[in-house]
Amino acid sequence: MVGKIEPRYGAEVYISDTGRICIRQDQGAEEELTLIFDEGEVDDLIGLLNEAKQALAEERRVAAENEDN
């Protein structure tokens, strides 16, 4: 395992030894559920996460602006 984000809400995000982004979630089932993103999907995933980050930043800016008014 190359890197890891500590588990939150039952989900663990990490980079495998082969460079794949993996999201593992324990839902209390007998088997764990793991999403594995191949190299070609990583850029798409990063783009999607960046869009989400920008949208959240805009929502926070608008909320702060509304609190000030």
Protein backbone atom coordinates (compact mmCIF):
# COMPACT_ATOMS: atom_id res chain seq x y z
CA MET A 1 0.00 0.00 0.00
CA VAL A 2 1.46 3.33 -1.10
CA GLY A 3 -0.82 5.82 0.65
CA LYS A 4 -4.00 5.79 2.69
CA ILE A 5 -6.72 8.11 3.95
CA GLU A 6 -7.90 7.02 7.38
CA PRO A 7 -11.32 5.32 7.28
CA ARG A 8 -14.41 7.51 7.60
CA TYR A 9 -18.00 6.38 7.49
CA GLY A 10 -16.79 2.83 7.00
CA ALA A 11 -14.79 3.64 3.84
CA GLU A 12 -11.04 3.35 3.45
CA VAL A 13 -9.31 5.00 0.47
CA TYR A 14 -5.81 3.93 -0.49
CA ILE A 15 -3.36 3.59 -3.37
CA SER A 16 -2.33 0.01 -4.00
CA ASP A 17 1.23 -1.17 -4.63
CA THR A 18 0.33 -1.28 -8.33
CA GLY A 19 -0.77 2.40 -8.32
CA ARG A 20 -4.50 1.81 -8.43
CA ILE A 21 -6.84 3.91 -6.33
CA CYS A 22 -8.98 1.66 -4.16
CA ILE A 23 -12.00 2.43 -2.03
CA ARG A 24 -12.94 -0.33 0.38
CA GLN A 25 -16.12 -0.22 2.42
CA ASP A 26 -17.28 -2.47 5.20
CA GLN A 27 -21.05 -2.65 5.13
CA GLY A 28 -21.29 -5.37 7.71
CA ALA A 29 -21.70 -7.99 5.00
CA GLU A 30 -19.68 -11.16 4.87
CA GLU A 31 -17.46 -9.77 2.13
CA GLU A 32 -15.93 -6.32 1.80
CA LEU A 33 -16.84 -4.16 -1.17
CA THR A 34 -13.88 -2.62 -3.00
CA LEU A 35 -13.87 -0.23 -5.95
CA ILE A 36 -10.63 -0.33 -7.92
CA PHE A 37 -9.80 2.46 -10.36
CA ASP A 38 -7.33 1.57 -13.12
CA GLU A 39 -4.72 4.01 -14.36
CA GLY A 40 -6.94 5.28 -17.18
CA GLU A 41 -9.73 6.09 -14.74
CA VAL A 42 -7.57 7.99 -12.27
CA ASP A 43 -7.50 11.22 -14.30
CA ASP A 44 -11.29 11.11 -14.64
CA LEU A 45 -11.66 10.49 -10.90
CA ILE A 46 -9.30 13.36 -10.06
CA GLY A 47 -11.21 15.67 -12.41
CA LEU A 48 -14.50 14.70 -10.80
CA LEU A 49 -13.11 15.24 -7.30
CA ASN A 50 -11.72 18.66 -8.33
CA GLU A 51 -15.14 19.65 -9.69
CA ALA A 52 -16.75 18.57 -6.42
CA LYS A 53 -14.15 20.55 -4.47
CA GLN A 54 -14.83 23.69 -6.50
CA ALA A 55 -18.59 23.27 -6.09
CA LEU A 56 -18.24 22.88 -2.32
CA ALA A 57 -15.98 25.93 -2.12
CA GLU A 58 -18.59 27.96 -4.02
CA GLU A 59 -21.37 26.72 -1.72
CA ARG A 60 -19.31 27.71 1.33
CA ARG A 61 -18.58 31.13 -0.17
CA VAL A 62 -22.27 31.76 -0.85
CA ALA A 63 -23.24 30.54 2.65
CA ALA A 64 -20.65 32.83 4.26
CA GLU A 65 -21.84 35.72 2.12
CA ASN A 66 -25.44 35.06 3.16
CA GLU A 67 -24.42 34.97 6.84
CA ASP A 68 -22.75 38.36 6.45
CA ASN A 69 -25.91 39.90 4.98
